[in-house]
Amino acid sequence: MKILGIVPARWASSRFPGKPLVKIGSKTMIERVYLQSSKSLDYVVVATDDKRIFDEVKRFNGQVVMTSENHQSGTDRCMEALEIFEKERGEKFDVVINIQGDEPFIQPQQIKDIADSFTDESTEISTLIKKITEPEIVFDPSCPKVIMNTRGEAIYFSRSTIPYIQNTDKKDWFDKFTYYEHLGLYGYRADILRRITQLEPSSLEIAESLEQNRWLENGFKIRVLETEHENISIDTQEDLDKILKQGFVD
């Protein structure tokens, strides 16, 4: 089974333009993501829409492809990158792992867990979840939550607190139920990736602004894998400043 890790990296982030090229210690963020990903996978490629990012990946001898500026999601960018990379190399890949370009400290084991889930031939899409350990996160709409069935498959993703616990004061919900947050690392079988990128946006996706609900709404199965690792995402300049103040050293 051949697995390709794809790191979508855009320049035009609304909250932090150009963040793939910010320096963290002696390396740019995109280089750190690439190096961490390469610890788990034989094939990793950055998919970007900007020549500055393209040139930076070339500088550290990484694999990179130039993709369209018009993609609505990282999943769509991954599909184009897969097609370009397969054509350039003259070979096919069985599985694609979509690795967030703003998580420079992603744990290689997390990527390996996603890759290993595809040894089960029934796995179409897989992703990571983490038990919520802080009560306030349960009610934070910026943190997508997920509920699962008994087979370890996602039922629904929501920015709301799910499930709602009836006849219980909200301050006690955290003690009454184990809540899970969704981490944005995905794996897809290549044929499934092609199919889901052909789907029209769905009502639940639009309502929640969560593209994975489109896949569920169209009958695809998403396997969820629990991790204990806390992902550090850099979405704003403030996030970066917080990391640098912690005295990060290479």
Protein backbone atom coordinates (compact mmCIF):
# COMPACT_ATOMS: atom_id res chain seq x y z
CA MET A 1 0.00 0.00 0.00
CA LYS A 2 1.48 3.32 -1.10
CA ILE A 3 0.61 6.34 1.04
CA LEU A 4 1.13 9.98 0.13
CA GLY A 5 1.18 12.71 2.77
CA ILE A 6 0.00 16.05 1.40
CA VAL A 7 0.51 19.32 3.27
CA PRO A 8 -1.81 22.05 1.90
CA ALA A 9 -0.14 25.45 2.42
CA ARG A 10 -1.81 28.70 1.39
CA TRP A 11 -0.38 32.20 1.61
CA ALA A 12 -3.67 34.09 1.92
CA SER A 13 -4.81 33.15 5.41
CA SER A 14 -7.40 35.67 6.61
CA ARG A 15 -6.05 35.71 10.17
CA PHE A 16 -2.33 35.24 9.49
CA PRO A 17 -1.20 35.85 5.88
CA GLY A 18 2.05 34.14 4.96
CA LYS A 19 2.17 31.98 8.07
CA PRO A 20 3.81 28.94 6.36
CA LEU A 21 7.00 31.02 6.08
CA VAL A 22 7.17 32.36 9.64
CA LYS A 23 10.31 31.32 11.48
CA ILE A 24 10.10 29.10 14.55
CA GLY A 25 13.63 28.81 15.80
CA SER A 26 15.89 28.22 12.80
CA LYS A 27 13.21 26.71 10.52
CA THR A 28 10.06 27.94 8.83
CA MET A 29 6.74 26.49 9.89
CA ILE A 30 6.27 24.64 6.60
CA GLU A 31 9.70 23.03 6.93
CA ARG A 32 8.87 21.82 10.44
CA VAL A 33 5.57 20.29 9.28
CA TYR A 34 7.35 18.62 6.36
CA LEU A 35 10.11 17.19 8.53
CA GLN A 36 7.69 15.84 11.15
CA SER A 37 5.56 14.25 8.44
CA SER A 38 8.57 12.63 6.80
CA LYS A 39 9.32 10.76 10.02
CA SER A 40 6.19 8.66 9.39
CA LEU A 41 5.81 8.55 5.62
CA ASP A 42 8.08 7.76 2.67
CA TYR A 43 6.25 10.22 0.41
CA VAL A 44 5.34 13.76 1.47
CA VAL A 45 4.52 16.72 -0.78
CA VAL A 46 3.51 20.31 -0.07
CA ALA A 47 0.57 21.61 -2.12
CA THR A 48 0.66 25.40 -2.41
CA ASP A 49 -0.77 28.23 -4.49
CA ASP A 50 2.09 30.66 -3.89
CA LYS A 51 5.57 30.83 -5.43
CA ARG A 52 7.14 32.05 -2.18
CA ILE A 53 6.05 28.90 -0.39
CA PHE A 54 7.01 26.80 -3.43
CA ASP A 55 10.53 28.27 -3.40
CA GLU A 56 10.92 27.74 0.34
CA VAL A 57 10.09 24.03 0.04
CA LYS A 58 12.56 23.71 -2.81
CA ARG A 59 15.18 25.45 -0.63
CA PHE A 60 15.04 22.71 2.01
CA ASN A 61 14.86 20.01 -0.71
CA GLY A 62 11.24 19.08 -0.09
CA GLN A 63 8.71 17.85 -2.63
CA VAL A 64 6.20 20.52 -3.70
CA VAL A 65 3.53 21.07 -6.36
CA MET A 66 1.80 24.28 -7.44
CA THR A 67 -2.00 24.12 -7.24
CA SER A 68 -4.91 26.43 -8.05
CA GLU A 69 -5.75 29.50 -5.95
CA ASN A 70 -9.46 28.72 -6.20
CA HIS A 71 -9.89 25.67 -3.96
CA GLN A 72 -12.57 25.92 -1.28
CA SER A 73 -10.89 23.44 1.08
CA GLY A 74 -7.69 21.60 1.83
CA THR A 75 -9.37 18.42 0.65
CA ASP A 76 -9.89 19.87 -2.83
CA ARG A 77 -6.27 21.03 -2.91
CA CYS A 78 -5.17 17.52 -1.92
CA MET A 79 -7.06 16.04 -4.86
CA GLU A 80 -5.32 18.31 -7.36
CA ALA A 81 -1.94 17.70 -5.71
CA LEU A 82 -2.46 13.93 -5.90
CA GLU A 83 -3.16 14.12 -9.63
CA ILE A 84 -0.13 16.32 -10.28
CA PHE A 85 2.24 14.24 -8.15
CA GLU A 86 1.09 10.94 -9.66
CA LYS A 87 1.57 12.34 -13.16
CA GLU A 88 5.04 13.70 -12.35
CA ARG A 89 6.20 10.43 -10.83
CA GLY A 90 4.33 8.06 -13.11
CA GLU A 91 2.94 6.03 -10.23
CA LYS A 92 -0.30 5.63 -8.28
CA PHE A 93 -0.98 6.01 -4.57
CA ASP A 94 -3.57 4.06 -2.59
CA VAL A 95 -4.07 6.44 0.34
CA VAL A 96 -3.71 10.18 0.89
CA ILE A 97 -3.13 11.78 4.30
CA ASN A 98 -4.08 15.44 4.58
CA ILE A 99 -1.67 17.04 7.07
CA GLN A 100 -2.40 20.51 8.43
CA GLY A 101 0.23 23.03 7.35
CA ASP A 102 -0.06 25.08 10.54
CA GLU A 103 0.84 22.36 13.05
CA PRO A 104 4.65 22.43 13.15
CA PHE A 105 4.88 20.07 16.13
CA ILE A 106 2.54 17.36 14.88
CA GLN A 107 3.45 13.99 16.36
CA PRO A 108 4.66 11.42 13.80
CA GLN A 109 2.72 8.76 15.70
CA GLN A 110 -0.54 10.55 14.89
CA ILE A 111 0.22 10.32 11.18
CA LYS A 112 1.24 6.68 11.57
CA ASP A 113 -2.04 5.90 13.34
CA ILE A 114 -3.99 7.31 10.40
CA ALA A 115 -1.84 5.36 7.93
CA ASP A 116 -2.24 2.11 9.87
CA SER A 117 -6.04 2.43 9.89
CA PHE A 118 -6.05 1.63 6.16
CA THR A 119 -4.79 -1.90 6.74
CA ASP A 120 -8.50 -2.49 7.35
CA GLU A 121 -9.92 -2.60 3.84
CA SER A 122 -13.27 -1.26 5.02
CA THR A 123 -11.74 2.10 6.02
CA GLU A 124 -12.81 4.83 3.58
CA ILE A 125 -11.80 7.95 5.53
CA SER A 126 -10.14 8.23 8.93
CA THR A 127 -9.44 11.09 11.30
CA LEU A 128 -8.30 11.82 14.85
CA ILE A 129 -10.24 12.76 17.96
CA LYS A 130 -9.10 13.67 21.46
CA LYS A 131 -10.90 13.53 24.77
CA ILE A 132 -11.79 17.02 25.99
CA THR A 133 -10.18 17.66 29.35
CA GLU A 134 -11.18 21.29 29.96
CA PRO A 135 -14.87 21.99 30.69
CA GLU A 136 -14.93 25.33 28.86
CA ILE A 137 -13.87 23.65 25.58
CA VAL A 138 -17.13 21.69 25.55
CA PHE A 139 -19.00 24.96 24.91
CA ASP A 140 -16.45 26.60 22.59
CA PRO A 141 -17.83 26.81 19.00
CA SER A 142 -14.32 27.16 17.58
CA CYS A 143 -13.66 23.57 18.71
CA PRO A 144 -15.61 21.02 16.61
CA LYS A 145 -17.01 18.15 18.62
CA VAL A 146 -17.84 14.66 17.37
CA ILE A 147 -20.08 11.79 18.42
CA MET A 148 -19.44 8.20 17.36
CA ASN A 149 -21.25 4.90 16.96
CA THR A 150 -20.21 1.61 18.56
CA ARG A 151 -18.09 0.71 15.50
CA GLY A 152 -15.81 3.71 15.99
CA GLU A 153 -17.31 5.71 13.14
CA ALA A 154 -18.35 9.34 13.27
CA ILE A 155 -22.08 10.03 13.46
CA TYR A 156 -21.90 13.82 13.37
CA PHE A 157 -19.53 16.78 13.81
CA SER A 158 -20.75 20.01 15.38
CA ARG A 159 -19.60 23.32 16.78
CA SER A 160 -22.41 22.95 19.29
CA THR A 161 -22.09 20.85 22.42
CA ILE A 162 -23.15 17.33 21.48
CA PRO A 163 -24.84 15.48 22.96
CA TYR A 164 -27.26 17.72 24.85
CA ILE A 165 -27.79 16.28 28.33
CA GLN A 166 -31.42 16.56 29.29
CA ASN A 167 -32.54 17.50 32.80
CA THR A 168 -29.00 18.46 33.81
CA ASP A 169 -27.56 21.89 34.47
CA LYS A 170 -24.98 22.80 31.80
CA LYS A 171 -22.29 23.30 34.43
CA ASP A 172 -22.55 19.58 35.18
CA TRP A 173 -22.46 18.29 31.59
CA PHE A 174 -18.69 17.79 31.55
CA ASP A 175 -18.96 15.43 34.55
CA LYS A 176 -21.82 13.46 33.05
CA PHE A 177 -20.42 12.59 29.63
CA THR A 178 -17.09 12.08 27.84
CA TYR A 179 -16.81 14.69 25.12
CA TYR A 180 -14.41 14.53 22.16
CA GLU A 181 -12.91 17.23 19.98
CA HIS A 182 -12.04 16.65 16.35
CA LEU A 183 -8.45 17.16 15.19
CA GLY A 184 -8.03 18.18 11.54
CA LEU A 185 -5.88 15.31 10.27
CA TYR A 186 -7.52 13.14 7.59
CA GLY A 187 -6.71 10.04 5.64
CA TYR A 188 -8.63 9.00 2.53
CA ARG A 189 -8.44 6.11 0.13
CA ALA A 190 -7.50 7.68 -3.18
CA ASP A 191 -10.70 6.56 -4.91
CA ILE A 192 -12.80 7.93 -2.05
CA LEU A 193 -10.95 11.25 -2.20
CA ARG A 194 -11.86 11.53 -5.88
CA ARG A 195 -15.51 10.86 -5.11
CA ILE A 196 -15.94 13.24 -2.17
CA THR A 197 -14.36 16.14 -4.04
CA GLN A 198 -17.07 15.78 -6.70
CA LEU A 199 -19.87 16.29 -4.16
CA GLU A 200 -21.85 19.51 -3.94
CA PRO A 201 -21.76 21.38 -0.59
CA SER A 202 -24.41 19.95 1.73
CA SER A 203 -26.87 21.62 4.08
CA LEU A 204 -25.17 20.33 7.24
CA GLU A 205 -21.74 21.32 5.96
CA ILE A 206 -22.94 24.85 5.25
CA ALA A 207 -24.74 25.16 8.59
CA GLU A 208 -21.72 24.10 10.65
CA SER A 209 -18.95 25.19 8.23
CA LEU A 210 -17.48 21.70 8.59
CA GLU A 211 -16.80 19.92 5.30
CA GLN A 212 -16.69 16.45 6.85
CA ASN A 213 -20.45 16.64 7.38
CA ARG A 214 -20.84 16.68 3.58
CA TRP A 215 -19.22 13.26 3.43
CA LEU A 216 -21.41 11.86 6.19
CA GLU A 217 -24.53 13.35 4.64
CA ASN A 218 -23.68 11.51 1.40
CA GLY A 219 -23.22 8.15 3.10
CA PHE A 220 -19.43 7.91 3.44
CA LYS A 221 -17.98 6.41 6.61
CA ILE A 222 -15.40 8.25 8.71
CA ARG A 223 -13.40 6.11 11.11
CA VAL A 224 -12.28 7.97 14.24
CA LEU A 225 -9.06 7.21 16.10
CA GLU A 226 -8.40 8.53 19.59
CA THR A 227 -5.10 10.23 20.36
CA GLU A 228 -3.73 11.60 23.61
CA HIS A 229 -1.43 14.11 21.91
CA GLU A 230 -2.40 17.77 22.04
CA ASN A 231 -1.95 19.44 18.67
CA ILE A 232 -0.50 22.96 18.64
CA SER A 233 -2.04 24.91 15.79
CA ILE A 234 -0.72 28.34 14.81
CA ASP A 235 -3.69 30.28 13.48
CA THR A 236 -2.72 33.82 14.49
CA GLN A 237 0.30 35.96 15.30
CA GLU A 238 -0.71 35.64 18.96
CA ASP A 239 -0.43 31.84 18.73
CA LEU A 240 3.09 32.20 17.35
CA ASP A 241 4.09 34.75 19.99
CA LYS A 242 2.90 32.39 22.72
CA ILE A 243 5.11 29.57 21.40
CA LEU A 244 8.15 31.83 21.05
CA LYS A 245 7.68 33.13 24.61
CA GLN A 246 7.90 29.56 25.85
CA GLY A 247 11.56 29.65 24.88
CA PHE A 248 11.36 27.27 21.95
CA VAL A 249 14.82 25.96 21.02
CA ASP A 250 15.76 23.73 18.08
